[in-house]
Amino acid sequence: MRTITGLWRWRHNPLRRATDLVEAWVALGALLLVLVAAPLVGVLAGGLAGDALQRSVREQRENRHPVTATVVRDADLTPLDPDPETATGRDSHSRVLAHWTGPDGTARRGTAMAALESPRRGDRFTIWTDGSGRLVGRPLDGATAATHAVLAGFGTAVACAGAVEGARRLLLWRMVRRRYDQWDRAWSRVGPDWGRTGTGS
């Protein structure tokens, strides 16, 4: 609003310099870009990210299968943070040796993270595997994909607004530097005679 008011005030001001008007127009242009272009770019980026993530969700649902595994024994008594590629869920915290049968009928045996507080031999839990029974991460769900898309769009909009503001400040800095250089040149011409009686006569 101050930019628009400044433009209106400078229209017929006799003290107005060309650079003052340019500064005001640059500020107005930057404001419009931040208010209009940045949100549009954010929406576009969020939409593209959302489409890509939803495709990934569909692919993972097709290629990853929930399988019931049976605990053979503890693999490690120390609780570990789950590996996102082999974890069976966010609450997984026990590493166990287990056996399971893959979707293709192949018997498998290996170390997995179980969502069990105190796993015992014979306990059952769910893991995710590919078509041949190898352990994979839990497939991405639609809600998480949508959240990531929104965050991507918001981040892009903020980055775009920051780039516009950075460009405005850089342009303003260069204009101020040019103005100071002009003042220095003008002062060097009149400075030696400043204040002397009869100067210019």
C-alpha atoms as a PDB file:
ATOM      1  CA  MET A   1       0.000   0.000   0.000  1.00  0.00           C
ATOM      2  CA  ARG A   2       2.862   2.371   0.794  1.00  0.00           C
ATOM      3  CA  THR A   3       4.260   1.654  -2.666  1.00  0.00           C
ATOM      4  CA  ILE A   4       1.020   2.682  -4.388  1.00  0.00           C
ATOM      5  CA  THR A   5       0.742   5.780  -2.191  1.00  0.00           C
ATOM      6  CA  GLY A   6       4.351   6.648  -3.001  1.00  0.00           C
ATOM      7  CA  LEU A   7       3.743   6.314  -6.719  1.00  0.00           C
ATOM      8  CA  TRP A   8       0.724   8.612  -6.542  1.00  0.00           C
ATOM      9  CA  ARG A   9       2.593  11.202  -4.467  1.00  0.00           C
ATOM     10  CA  TRP A  10       5.599  11.244  -6.796  1.00  0.00           C
ATOM     11  CA  ARG A  11       3.591  11.783 -10.008  1.00  0.00           C
ATOM     12  CA  HIS A  12       3.791  15.602 -10.101  1.00  0.00           C
ATOM     13  CA  ASN A  13       6.427  16.329  -7.470  1.00  0.00           C
ATOM     14  CA  PRO A  14       9.014  18.790  -8.860  1.00  0.00           C
ATOM     15  CA  LEU A  15      11.740  17.181  -6.722  1.00  0.00           C
ATOM     16  CA  ARG A  16      11.105  13.772  -8.232  1.00  0.00           C
ATOM     17  CA  ARG A  17      14.094  12.130  -9.851  1.00  0.00           C
ATOM     18  CA  ALA A  18      13.799   9.469 -12.532  1.00  0.00           C
ATOM     19  CA  THR A  19      15.321   6.925 -10.156  1.00  0.00           C
ATOM     20  CA  ASP A  20      12.664   7.653  -7.520  1.00  0.00           C
ATOM     21  CA  LEU A  21       9.924   6.736  -9.952  1.00  0.00           C
ATOM     22  CA  VAL A  22      11.809   3.633 -11.086  1.00  0.00           C
ATOM     23  CA  GLU A  23      12.240   2.526  -7.466  1.00  0.00           C
ATOM     24  CA  ALA A  24       8.526   2.907  -6.826  1.00  0.00           C
ATOM     25  CA  TRP A  25       7.587   0.947  -9.974  1.00  0.00           C
ATOM     26  CA  VAL A  26      10.083  -1.797  -9.120  1.00  0.00           C
ATOM     27  CA  ALA A  27       8.593  -2.067  -5.627  1.00  0.00           C
ATOM     28  CA  LEU A  28       5.065  -2.249  -7.045  1.00  0.00           C
ATOM     29  CA  GLY A  29       6.097  -4.895  -9.576  1.00  0.00           C
ATOM     30  CA  ALA A  30       7.798  -6.960  -6.865  1.00  0.00           C
ATOM     31  CA  LEU A  31       4.704  -6.692  -4.653  1.00  0.00           C
ATOM     32  CA  LEU A  32       2.448  -7.932  -7.455  1.00  0.00           C
ATOM     33  CA  LEU A  33       4.814 -10.819  -8.223  1.00  0.00           C
ATOM     34  CA  VAL A  34       4.919 -11.844  -4.559  1.00  0.00           C
ATOM     35  CA  LEU A  35       1.136 -11.646  -4.180  1.00  0.00           C
ATOM     36  CA  VAL A  36       0.162 -13.212  -7.515  1.00  0.00           C
ATOM     37  CA  ALA A  37       3.006 -15.052  -9.252  1.00  0.00           C
ATOM     38  CA  ALA A  38       4.536 -16.755  -6.191  1.00  0.00           C
ATOM     39  CA  PRO A  39       1.258 -18.420  -5.100  1.00  0.00           C
ATOM     40  CA  LEU A  40       0.567 -19.539  -8.682  1.00  0.00           C
ATOM     41  CA  VAL A  41       4.036 -21.067  -8.976  1.00  0.00           C
ATOM     42  CA  GLY A  42       3.513 -22.758  -5.610  1.00  0.00           C
ATOM     43  CA  VAL A  43       0.175 -24.226  -6.709  1.00  0.00           C
ATOM     44  CA  LEU A  44       1.727 -25.468  -9.951  1.00  0.00           C
ATOM     45  CA  ALA A  45       4.712 -27.026  -8.169  1.00  0.00           C
ATOM     46  CA  GLY A  46       2.458 -28.606  -5.542  1.00  0.00           C
ATOM     47  CA  GLY A  47       0.227 -30.056  -8.248  1.00  0.00           C
ATOM     48  CA  LEU A  48       3.161 -31.555 -10.134  1.00  0.00           C
ATOM     49  CA  ALA A  49       4.633 -32.977  -6.934  1.00  0.00           C
ATOM     50  CA  GLY A  50       1.234 -34.357  -5.946  1.00  0.00           C
ATOM     51  CA  ASP A  51       0.794 -36.097  -9.294  1.00  0.00           C
ATOM     52  CA  ALA A  52       4.252 -37.665  -9.059  1.00  0.00           C
ATOM     53  CA  LEU A  53       3.696 -38.780  -5.469  1.00  0.00           C
ATOM     54  CA  GLN A  54       0.270 -40.257  -6.217  1.00  0.00           C
ATOM     55  CA  ARG A  55       1.806 -42.245  -9.097  1.00  0.00           C
ATOM     56  CA  SER A  56       4.422 -43.496  -6.641  1.00  0.00           C
ATOM     57  CA  VAL A  57       1.662 -44.452  -4.184  1.00  0.00           C
ATOM     58  CA  ARG A  58      -0.131 -46.484  -6.876  1.00  0.00           C
ATOM     59  CA  GLU A  59       3.069 -48.211  -7.977  1.00  0.00           C
ATOM     60  CA  GLN A  60       4.029 -49.102  -4.413  1.00  0.00           C
ATOM     61  CA  ARG A  61       0.562 -50.487  -3.690  1.00  0.00           C
ATOM     62  CA  GLU A  62       0.839 -52.694  -6.753  1.00  0.00           C
ATOM     63  CA  ASN A  63       4.373 -53.928  -6.018  1.00  0.00           C
ATOM     64  CA  ARG A  64       4.424 -54.218  -2.222  1.00  0.00           C
ATOM     65  CA  HIS A  65       2.480 -56.819  -0.304  1.00  0.00           C
ATOM     66  CA  PRO A  66       1.721 -57.306   3.399  1.00  0.00           C
ATOM     67  CA  VAL A  67       2.933 -60.693   4.622  1.00  0.00           C
ATOM     68  CA  THR A  68       2.671 -62.342   8.016  1.00  0.00           C
ATOM     69  CA  ALA A  69       6.045 -63.278   9.485  1.00  0.00           C
ATOM     70  CA  THR A  70       6.763 -65.530  12.468  1.00  0.00           C
ATOM     71  CA  VAL A  71       9.400 -64.738  15.091  1.00  0.00           C
ATOM     72  CA  VAL A  72      12.183 -67.312  15.351  1.00  0.00           C
ATOM     73  CA  ARG A  73      14.224 -65.483  17.989  1.00  0.00           C
ATOM     74  CA  ASP A  74      15.511 -62.052  18.975  1.00  0.00           C
ATOM     75  CA  ALA A  75      18.221 -60.848  16.650  1.00  0.00           C
ATOM     76  CA  ASP A  76      19.445 -58.150  19.020  1.00  0.00           C
ATOM     77  CA  LEU A  77      18.477 -57.353  22.594  1.00  0.00           C
ATOM     78  CA  THR A  78      19.168 -53.644  22.092  1.00  0.00           C
ATOM     79  CA  PRO A  79      16.187 -51.735  20.654  1.00  0.00           C
ATOM     80  CA  LEU A  80      17.089 -49.998  17.417  1.00  0.00           C
ATOM     81  CA  ASP A  81      15.562 -47.219  15.388  1.00  0.00           C
ATOM     82  CA  PRO A  82      13.805 -48.690  12.389  1.00  0.00           C
ATOM     83  CA  ASP A  83      15.419 -48.551   8.972  1.00  0.00           C
ATOM     84  CA  PRO A  84      12.899 -46.846   6.659  1.00  0.00           C
ATOM     85  CA  GLU A  85      13.655 -49.396   3.937  1.00  0.00           C
ATOM     86  CA  THR A  86      13.048 -52.475   6.071  1.00  0.00           C
ATOM     87  CA  ALA A  87      10.789 -51.228   8.856  1.00  0.00           C
ATOM     88  CA  THR A  88       7.297 -52.664   9.056  1.00  0.00           C
ATOM     89  CA  GLY A  89       5.828 -49.569  10.673  1.00  0.00           C
ATOM     90  CA  ARG A  90       6.514 -46.390  12.581  1.00  0.00           C
ATOM     91  CA  ASP A  91       6.153 -48.149  15.935  1.00  0.00           C
ATOM     92  CA  SER A  92       8.654 -50.882  15.033  1.00  0.00           C
ATOM     93  CA  HIS A  93      11.362 -51.212  17.595  1.00  0.00           C
ATOM     94  CA  SER A  94      12.423 -54.853  17.969  1.00  0.00           C
ATOM     95  CA  ARG A  95      14.868 -56.568  15.642  1.00  0.00           C
ATOM     96  CA  VAL A  96      14.069 -60.253  15.292  1.00  0.00           C
ATOM     97  CA  LEU A  97      15.011 -63.237  13.184  1.00  0.00           C
ATOM     98  CA  ALA A  98      11.838 -64.339  11.412  1.00  0.00           C
ATOM     99  CA  HIS A  99      10.588 -66.515   8.599  1.00  0.00           C
ATOM    100  CA  TRP A 100       7.802 -65.841   6.120  1.00  0.00           C
ATOM    101  CA  THR A 101       6.459 -66.935   2.781  1.00  0.00           C
ATOM    102  CA  GLY A 102       6.566 -64.465  -0.093  1.00  0.00           C
ATOM    103  CA  PRO A 103       3.613 -63.748  -2.400  1.00  0.00           C
ATOM    104  CA  ASP A 104       5.166 -66.077  -4.973  1.00  0.00           C
ATOM    105  CA  GLY A 105       5.289 -68.946  -2.445  1.00  0.00           C
ATOM    106  CA  THR A 106       9.024 -68.672  -1.746  1.00  0.00           C
ATOM    107  CA  ALA A 107      10.038 -69.396   1.854  1.00  0.00           C
ATOM    108  CA  ARG A 108      12.184 -66.621   3.262  1.00  0.00           C
ATOM    109  CA  ARG A 109      14.134 -66.135   6.473  1.00  0.00           C
ATOM    110  CA  GLY A 110      15.932 -63.051   7.708  1.00  0.00           C
ATOM    111  CA  THR A 111      16.198 -60.168  10.131  1.00  0.00           C
ATOM    112  CA  ALA A 112      13.220 -57.819  10.328  1.00  0.00           C
ATOM    113  CA  MET A 113      11.902 -55.065  12.537  1.00  0.00           C
ATOM    114  CA  ALA A 114       8.832 -56.220  14.445  1.00  0.00           C
ATOM    115  CA  ALA A 115       6.104 -54.050  15.951  1.00  0.00           C
ATOM    116  CA  LEU A 116       6.306 -56.066  19.168  1.00  0.00           C
ATOM    117  CA  GLU A 117       7.432 -54.786  22.559  1.00  0.00           C
ATOM    118  CA  SER A 118       8.753 -58.142  23.782  1.00  0.00           C
ATOM    119  CA  PRO A 119       8.819 -60.593  20.895  1.00  0.00           C
ATOM    120  CA  ARG A 120       8.730 -64.330  21.681  1.00  0.00           C
ATOM    121  CA  ARG A 121       9.279 -67.323  19.462  1.00  0.00           C
ATOM    122  CA  GLY A 122       6.141 -67.980  17.446  1.00  0.00           C
ATOM    123  CA  ASP A 123       4.754 -64.436  17.665  1.00  0.00           C
ATOM    124  CA  ARG A 124       3.354 -63.158  14.387  1.00  0.00           C
ATOM    125  CA  PHE A 125       3.667 -59.700  12.907  1.00  0.00           C
ATOM    126  CA  THR A 126       3.183 -58.023   9.522  1.00  0.00           C
ATOM    127  CA  ILE A 127       5.991 -57.132   7.170  1.00  0.00           C
ATOM    128  CA  TRP A 128       6.002 -55.711   3.636  1.00  0.00           C
ATOM    129  CA  THR A 129       7.694 -57.543   0.778  1.00  0.00           C
ATOM    130  CA  ASP A 130       8.045 -57.282  -2.972  1.00  0.00           C
ATOM    131  CA  GLY A 131       6.647 -59.929  -5.309  1.00  0.00           C
ATOM    132  CA  SER A 132       9.492 -62.358  -4.582  1.00  0.00           C
ATOM    133  CA  GLY A 133       9.336 -62.008  -0.806  1.00  0.00           C
ATOM    134  CA  ARG A 134      12.235 -59.590  -0.225  1.00  0.00           C
ATOM    135  CA  LEU A 135      11.713 -57.052   2.559  1.00  0.00           C
ATOM    136  CA  VAL A 136      10.696 -53.555   1.463  1.00  0.00           C
ATOM    137  CA  GLY A 137       9.390 -50.479   3.252  1.00  0.00           C
ATOM    138  CA  ARG A 138       5.738 -49.829   3.942  1.00  0.00           C
ATOM    139  CA  PRO A 139       4.101 -48.253   0.877  1.00  0.00           C
ATOM    140  CA  LEU A 140       3.499 -44.533   0.941  1.00  0.00           C
ATOM    141  CA  ASP A 141      -0.096 -43.677   1.791  1.00  0.00           C
ATOM    142  CA  GLY A 142      -2.198 -41.077  -0.013  1.00  0.00           C
ATOM    143  CA  ALA A 143      -2.484 -38.715   2.960  1.00  0.00           C
ATOM    144  CA  THR A 144       1.289 -38.566   3.441  1.00  0.00           C
ATOM    145  CA  ALA A 145       1.772 -37.991  -0.289  1.00  0.00           C
ATOM    146  CA  ALA A 146      -0.744 -35.129  -0.206  1.00  0.00           C
ATOM    147  CA  THR A 147       1.017 -33.580   2.795  1.00  0.00           C
ATOM    148  CA  HIS A 148       4.377 -33.733   1.003  1.00  0.00           C
ATOM    149  CA  ALA A 149       2.822 -32.141  -2.089  1.00  0.00           C
ATOM    150  CA  VAL A 150       1.370 -29.267  -0.046  1.00  0.00           C
ATOM    151  CA  LEU A 151       4.719 -28.699   1.659  1.00  0.00           C
ATOM    152  CA  ALA A 152       6.491 -28.735  -1.722  1.00  0.00           C
ATOM    153  CA  GLY A 153       4.052 -26.153  -3.096  1.00  0.00           C
ATOM    154  CA  PHE A 154       4.370 -23.932  -0.022  1.00  0.00           C
ATOM    155  CA  GLY A 155       8.158 -24.149  -0.075  1.00  0.00           C
ATOM    156  CA  THR A 156       8.255 -23.278  -3.765  1.00  0.00           C
ATOM    157  CA  ALA A 157       5.993 -20.264  -3.236  1.00  0.00           C
ATOM    158  CA  VAL A 158       8.160 -19.016  -0.367  1.00  0.00           C
ATOM    159  CA  ALA A 159      11.335 -19.533  -2.414  1.00  0.00           C
ATOM    160  CA  CYS A 160       9.810 -17.686  -5.357  1.00  0.00           C
ATOM    161  CA  ALA A 161       8.780 -14.764  -3.140  1.00  0.00           C
ATOM    162  CA  GLY A 162      12.268 -14.706  -1.620  1.00  0.00           C
ATOM    163  CA  ALA A 163      13.857 -14.651  -5.078  1.00  0.00           C
ATOM    164  CA  VAL A 164      11.653 -11.728  -6.140  1.00  0.00           C
ATOM    165  CA  GLU A 165      12.470  -9.786  -2.994  1.00  0.00           C
ATOM    166  CA  GLY A 166      16.171 -10.564  -3.386  1.00  0.00           C
ATOM    167  CA  ALA A 167      16.124  -9.332  -6.988  1.00  0.00           C
ATOM    168  CA  ARG A 168      14.311  -6.152  -5.886  1.00  0.00           C
ATOM    169  CA  ARG A 169      16.875  -5.468  -3.176  1.00  0.00           C
ATOM    170  CA  LEU A 170      19.779  -6.112  -5.549  1.00  0.00           C
ATOM    171  CA  LEU A 171      18.323  -3.745  -8.142  1.00  0.00           C
ATOM    172  CA  LEU A 172      17.679  -1.112  -5.480  1.00  0.00           C
ATOM    173  CA  TRP A 173      21.232  -1.493  -4.159  1.00  0.00           C
ATOM    174  CA  ARG A 174      22.651  -0.965  -7.652  1.00  0.00           C
ATOM    175  CA  MET A 175      20.481   2.107  -8.202  1.00  0.00           C
ATOM    176  CA  VAL A 176      21.598   3.596  -4.873  1.00  0.00           C
ATOM    177  CA  ARG A 177      25.233   2.893  -5.718  1.00  0.00           C
ATOM    178  CA  ARG A 178      24.806   4.622  -9.090  1.00  0.00           C
ATOM    179  CA  ARG A 179      23.147   7.590  -7.368  1.00  0.00           C
ATOM    180  CA  TYR A 180      26.032   7.863  -4.887  1.00  0.00           C
ATOM    181  CA  ASP A 181      28.513   7.759  -7.772  1.00  0.00           C
ATOM    182  CA  GLN A 182      26.633  10.584  -9.499  1.00  0.00           C
ATOM    183  CA  TRP A 183      26.639  12.613  -6.289  1.00  0.00           C
ATOM    184  CA  ASP A 184      30.379  12.035  -5.891  1.00  0.00           C
ATOM    185  CA  ARG A 185      31.034  13.250  -9.427  1.00  0.00           C
ATOM    186  CA  ALA A 186      28.821  16.300  -8.935  1.00  0.00           C
ATOM    187  CA  TRP A 187      30.495  17.117  -5.627  1.00  0.00           C
ATOM    188  CA  SER A 188      33.945  16.780  -7.159  1.00  0.00           C
ATOM    189  CA  ARG A 189      32.961  19.444  -9.709  1.00  0.00           C
ATOM    190  CA  VAL A 190      31.549  21.990  -7.224  1.00  0.00           C
ATOM    191  CA  GLY A 191      33.218  20.923  -4.009  1.00  0.00           C
ATOM    192  CA  PRO A 192      36.483  22.946  -4.306  1.00  0.00           C
ATOM    193  CA  ASP A 193      34.533  26.199  -4.812  1.00  0.00           C
ATOM    194  CA  TRP A 194      31.828  25.510  -2.225  1.00  0.00           C
ATOM    195  CA  GLY A 195      31.348  28.456   0.117  1.00  0.00           C
ATOM    196  CA  ARG A 196      33.835  30.800  -1.554  1.00  0.00           C
ATOM    197  CA  THR A 197      32.762  34.402  -2.008  1.00  0.00           C
ATOM    198  CA  GLY A 198      32.146  35.349  -5.612  1.00  0.00           C
ATOM    199  CA  THR A 199      32.117  31.784  -6.897  1.00  0.00           C
ATOM    200  CA  GLY A 200      30.779  31.615 -10.390  1.00  0.00           C
ATOM    201  CA  SER A 201      31.074  35.375 -11.007  1.00  0.00           C
END
